[in-house]
């Protein structure tokens, strides 16, 4: 009797796992298409940038800015 119940339980777990996997796929797809995709499309249409990148000056090839002055060892050890 116990062996039969264990085999039924193992079978049910396999079936339940497949059901949960399908449910998860449907739920996550719904969240994406109802929440994430419209926001992304709207931001693309209004050309909103999440990351601000400054314009590169004429004749320069990067955004790097040189820092003037030096830092003492005590200041470097206590950054905050």
N, C-alpha and C. Protein backbone atom coordinates (compact mmCIF):
# COMPACT_ATOMS: atom_id res chain seq x y z
N UNK A 1 0.82 -1.20 0.00
CA UNK A 1 0.00 0.00 0.00
C UNK A 1 0.87 1.26 0.00
N UNK A 2 1.89 1.25 0.86
CA UNK A 2 2.76 2.41 0.95
C UNK A 2 3.53 2.62 -0.35
N UNK A 3 3.99 1.56 -0.97
CA UNK A 3 4.73 1.67 -2.23
C UNK A 3 3.83 2.22 -3.34
N UNK A 4 2.58 1.80 -3.35
CA UNK A 4 1.63 2.30 -4.34
C UNK A 4 1.39 3.80 -4.16
N UNK A 5 1.23 4.22 -2.92
CA UNK A 5 1.00 5.64 -2.64
C UNK A 5 2.23 6.48 -3.03
N UNK A 6 3.42 5.94 -2.78
CA UNK A 6 4.63 6.66 -3.15
C UNK A 6 4.75 6.81 -4.66
N UNK A 7 4.42 5.77 -5.39
CA UNK A 7 4.50 5.86 -6.85
C UNK A 7 3.44 6.82 -7.40
N UNK A 8 2.27 6.86 -6.80
CA UNK A 8 1.24 7.82 -7.20
C UNK A 8 1.72 9.24 -6.91
N UNK A 9 2.33 9.41 -5.74
CA UNK A 9 2.83 10.74 -5.36
C UNK A 9 3.92 11.21 -6.32
N UNK A 10 4.85 10.33 -6.68
CA UNK A 10 5.92 10.70 -7.62
C UNK A 10 5.33 11.07 -8.98
N UNK A 11 4.35 10.33 -9.43
CA UNK A 11 3.69 10.64 -10.70
C UNK A 11 3.00 11.99 -10.65
N UNK A 12 2.31 12.26 -9.53
CA UNK A 12 1.63 13.54 -9.39
C UNK A 12 2.63 14.69 -9.39
N UNK A 13 3.77 14.52 -8.75
CA UNK A 13 4.78 15.58 -8.73
C UNK A 13 5.28 15.89 -10.13
N UNK A 14 5.46 14.88 -10.97
CA UNK A 14 5.90 15.11 -12.34
C UNK A 14 4.85 15.90 -13.12
N UNK A 15 3.59 15.51 -12.97
CA UNK A 15 2.50 16.20 -13.67
C UNK A 15 2.38 17.63 -13.15
N UNK A 16 2.45 17.82 -11.83
CA UNK A 16 2.32 19.15 -11.24
C UNK A 16 3.46 20.05 -11.69
N UNK A 17 4.65 19.51 -11.81
CA UNK A 17 5.79 20.30 -12.26
C UNK A 17 5.57 20.81 -13.69
N UNK A 18 5.03 19.97 -14.55
CA UNK A 18 4.75 20.40 -15.92
C UNK A 18 3.66 21.46 -15.95
N UNK A 19 2.64 21.30 -15.12
CA UNK A 19 1.56 22.29 -15.05
C UNK A 19 2.10 23.63 -14.57
N UNK A 20 2.94 23.61 -13.53
CA UNK A 20 3.49 24.84 -12.98
C UNK A 20 4.42 25.51 -13.99
N UNK A 21 5.18 24.73 -14.73
CA UNK A 21 6.06 25.31 -15.74
C UNK A 21 5.26 26.03 -16.82
N UNK A 22 4.18 25.44 -17.26
CA UNK A 22 3.33 26.07 -18.27
C UNK A 22 2.65 27.32 -17.71
N UNK A 23 2.19 27.23 -16.47
CA UNK A 23 1.55 28.37 -15.83
C UNK A 23 2.54 29.52 -15.66
N UNK A 24 3.75 29.21 -15.28
CA UNK A 24 4.78 30.24 -15.11
C UNK A 24 5.08 30.93 -16.44
N UNK A 25 5.17 30.16 -17.51
CA UNK A 25 5.41 30.74 -18.83
C UNK A 25 4.29 31.70 -19.22
N UNK A 26 3.06 31.29 -19.03
CA UNK A 26 1.91 32.13 -19.39
C UNK A 26 1.89 33.39 -18.53
N UNK A 27 2.12 33.25 -17.23
CA UNK A 27 2.08 34.39 -16.33
C UNK A 27 3.19 35.39 -16.64
N UNK A 28 4.40 34.91 -16.83
CA UNK A 28 5.51 35.82 -17.13
C UNK A 28 5.37 36.48 -18.50
N UNK A 29 4.83 35.75 -19.46
CA UNK A 29 4.58 36.35 -20.77
C UNK A 29 3.54 37.45 -20.66
N UNK A 30 2.51 37.20 -19.89
CA UNK A 30 1.47 38.21 -19.68
C UNK A 30 2.01 39.46 -19.01
N UNK A 31 2.83 39.28 -17.99
CA UNK A 31 3.43 40.43 -17.31
C UNK A 31 4.29 41.22 -18.29
N UNK A 32 5.06 40.52 -19.10
CA UNK A 32 5.92 41.22 -20.05
C UNK A 32 5.08 42.02 -21.05
N UNK A 33 4.12 41.39 -21.66
CA UNK A 33 3.36 42.06 -22.71
C UNK A 33 2.41 43.13 -22.18
N UNK A 34 1.99 43.03 -20.92
CA UNK A 34 1.08 44.03 -20.37
C UNK A 34 1.79 45.15 -19.62
N UNK A 35 3.00 44.92 -19.15
CA UNK A 35 3.67 45.93 -18.34
C UNK A 35 4.97 46.43 -18.96
N UNK A 36 5.85 45.54 -19.32
CA UNK A 36 7.18 45.94 -19.77
C UNK A 36 7.17 46.45 -21.20
N UNK A 37 6.55 45.74 -22.09
CA UNK A 37 6.58 46.10 -23.51
C UNK A 37 5.95 47.48 -23.79
N UNK A 38 4.78 47.82 -23.24
CA UNK A 38 4.23 49.15 -23.52
C UNK A 38 5.12 50.29 -23.03
N UNK A 39 5.75 50.11 -21.88
CA UNK A 39 6.64 51.14 -21.37
C UNK A 39 7.84 51.29 -22.29
N UNK A 40 8.41 50.18 -22.73
CA UNK A 40 9.56 50.23 -23.62
C UNK A 40 9.20 50.88 -24.95
N UNK A 41 8.04 50.56 -25.47
CA UNK A 41 7.61 51.15 -26.74
C UNK A 41 7.38 52.65 -26.58
N UNK A 42 6.74 53.05 -25.48
CA UNK A 42 6.49 54.48 -25.24
C UNK A 42 7.81 55.24 -25.10
N UNK A 43 8.75 54.66 -24.38
CA UNK A 43 10.05 55.34 -24.21
C UNK A 43 10.80 55.43 -25.54
N UNK A 44 10.65 54.41 -26.36
CA UNK A 44 11.29 54.44 -27.67
C UNK A 44 10.65 55.51 -28.56
N UNK A 45 9.34 55.64 -28.49
CA UNK A 45 8.65 56.63 -29.32
C UNK A 45 8.97 58.06 -28.93
N UNK A 46 9.12 58.33 -27.62
CA UNK A 46 9.44 59.69 -27.20
C UNK A 46 10.95 59.92 -27.10
N UNK A 47 11.71 58.89 -27.45
CA UNK A 47 13.18 58.95 -27.47
C UNK A 47 13.76 59.35 -26.13
N UNK A 48 13.25 58.72 -25.07
CA UNK A 48 13.74 58.95 -23.71
C UNK A 48 14.91 58.02 -23.43
N UNK A 49 16.02 58.59 -22.96
CA UNK A 49 17.20 57.79 -22.65
C UNK A 49 17.27 57.57 -21.14
N UNK A 50 17.44 56.33 -20.72
CA UNK A 50 17.60 56.04 -19.30
C UNK A 50 19.01 56.36 -18.83
N UNK A 51 19.97 56.26 -19.70
CA UNK A 51 21.35 56.56 -19.35
C UNK A 51 21.77 57.82 -20.09
N UNK A 52 22.12 58.82 -19.31
CA UNK A 52 22.54 60.09 -19.92
C UNK A 52 24.01 59.98 -20.31
N UNK A 53 24.29 60.17 -21.57
CA UNK A 53 25.67 60.20 -22.05
C UNK A 53 25.94 61.59 -22.60
N UNK A 54 26.94 62.26 -22.07
CA UNK A 54 27.23 63.62 -22.56
C UNK A 54 27.75 63.58 -23.99
N UNK A 55 27.60 64.68 -24.65
CA UNK A 55 28.09 64.79 -26.02
C UNK A 55 29.61 64.86 -26.02
N UNK A 56 30.23 64.19 -26.96
CA UNK A 56 31.68 64.23 -27.10
C UNK A 56 32.06 65.52 -27.80
N UNK A 57 33.04 66.21 -27.22
CA UNK A 57 33.49 67.46 -27.82
C UNK A 57 34.15 67.19 -29.17
N UNK A 58 34.21 68.22 -29.97
CA UNK A 58 34.82 68.10 -31.30
C UNK A 58 36.29 67.71 -31.17
N UNK A 59 36.71 66.70 -31.89
CA UNK A 59 38.09 66.28 -31.89
C UNK A 59 38.45 65.29 -30.79
N UNK A 60 37.51 64.95 -29.91
CA UNK A 60 37.79 64.00 -28.84
C UNK A 60 37.12 62.67 -29.18
N UNK A 61 37.70 61.59 -28.65
CA UNK A 61 37.16 60.28 -28.98
C UNK A 61 36.53 59.57 -27.78
N UNK A 62 36.52 60.21 -26.59
CA UNK A 62 35.91 59.56 -25.43
C UNK A 62 35.31 60.60 -24.50
N UNK A 63 34.63 60.12 -23.46
CA UNK A 63 34.00 60.98 -22.47
C UNK A 63 34.91 61.22 -21.26
N UNK A 64 36.13 60.71 -21.29
CA UNK A 64 37.02 60.76 -20.15
C UNK A 64 37.36 62.21 -19.80
N UNK A 65 37.28 62.52 -18.51
CA UNK A 65 37.64 63.84 -18.03
C UNK A 65 38.80 63.67 -17.07
N UNK A 66 39.87 64.40 -17.30
CA UNK A 66 41.02 64.31 -16.41
C UNK A 66 40.74 65.09 -15.14
N UNK A 67 41.21 64.56 -14.03
CA UNK A 67 40.99 65.19 -12.74
C UNK A 67 42.27 65.92 -12.34
N UNK A 68 42.10 67.14 -11.90
CA UNK A 68 43.26 67.91 -11.48
C UNK A 68 43.57 67.62 -10.02
N UNK A 69 44.83 67.74 -9.65
CA UNK A 69 45.24 67.53 -8.27
C UNK A 69 45.52 66.07 -7.98
N UNK A 70 46.07 65.84 -6.80
CA UNK A 70 46.38 64.48 -6.38
C UNK A 70 45.65 64.18 -5.09
N UNK A 71 45.59 62.93 -4.76
CA UNK A 71 44.90 62.51 -3.55
C UNK A 71 45.94 61.95 -2.58
N UNK A 72 45.85 62.35 -1.33
CA UNK A 72 46.78 61.84 -0.34
C UNK A 72 46.42 60.40 0.02
N UNK A 73 47.35 59.70 0.61
CA UNK A 73 47.12 58.31 1.00
C UNK A 73 46.04 58.22 2.07
N UNK A 74 46.00 59.19 3.00
CA UNK A 74 44.97 59.18 4.05
C UNK A 74 43.58 59.37 3.45
N UNK A 75 43.47 60.24 2.49
CA UNK A 75 42.17 60.48 1.82
C UNK A 75 41.74 59.26 1.02
N UNK A 76 42.68 58.58 0.39
CA UNK A 76 42.36 57.39 -0.39
C UNK A 76 41.89 56.25 0.49
N UNK A 77 42.41 56.17 1.72
CA UNK A 77 42.01 55.11 2.64
C UNK A 77 40.65 55.38 3.25
N UNK A 78 40.25 56.63 3.33
CA UNK A 78 38.95 57.02 3.92
C UNK A 78 38.11 57.69 2.85
N UNK A 79 37.57 56.87 1.97
CA UNK A 79 36.83 57.41 0.82
C UNK A 79 35.52 58.07 1.23
N UNK A 80 34.91 57.62 2.34
CA UNK A 80 33.60 58.15 2.69
C UNK A 80 33.62 58.80 4.06
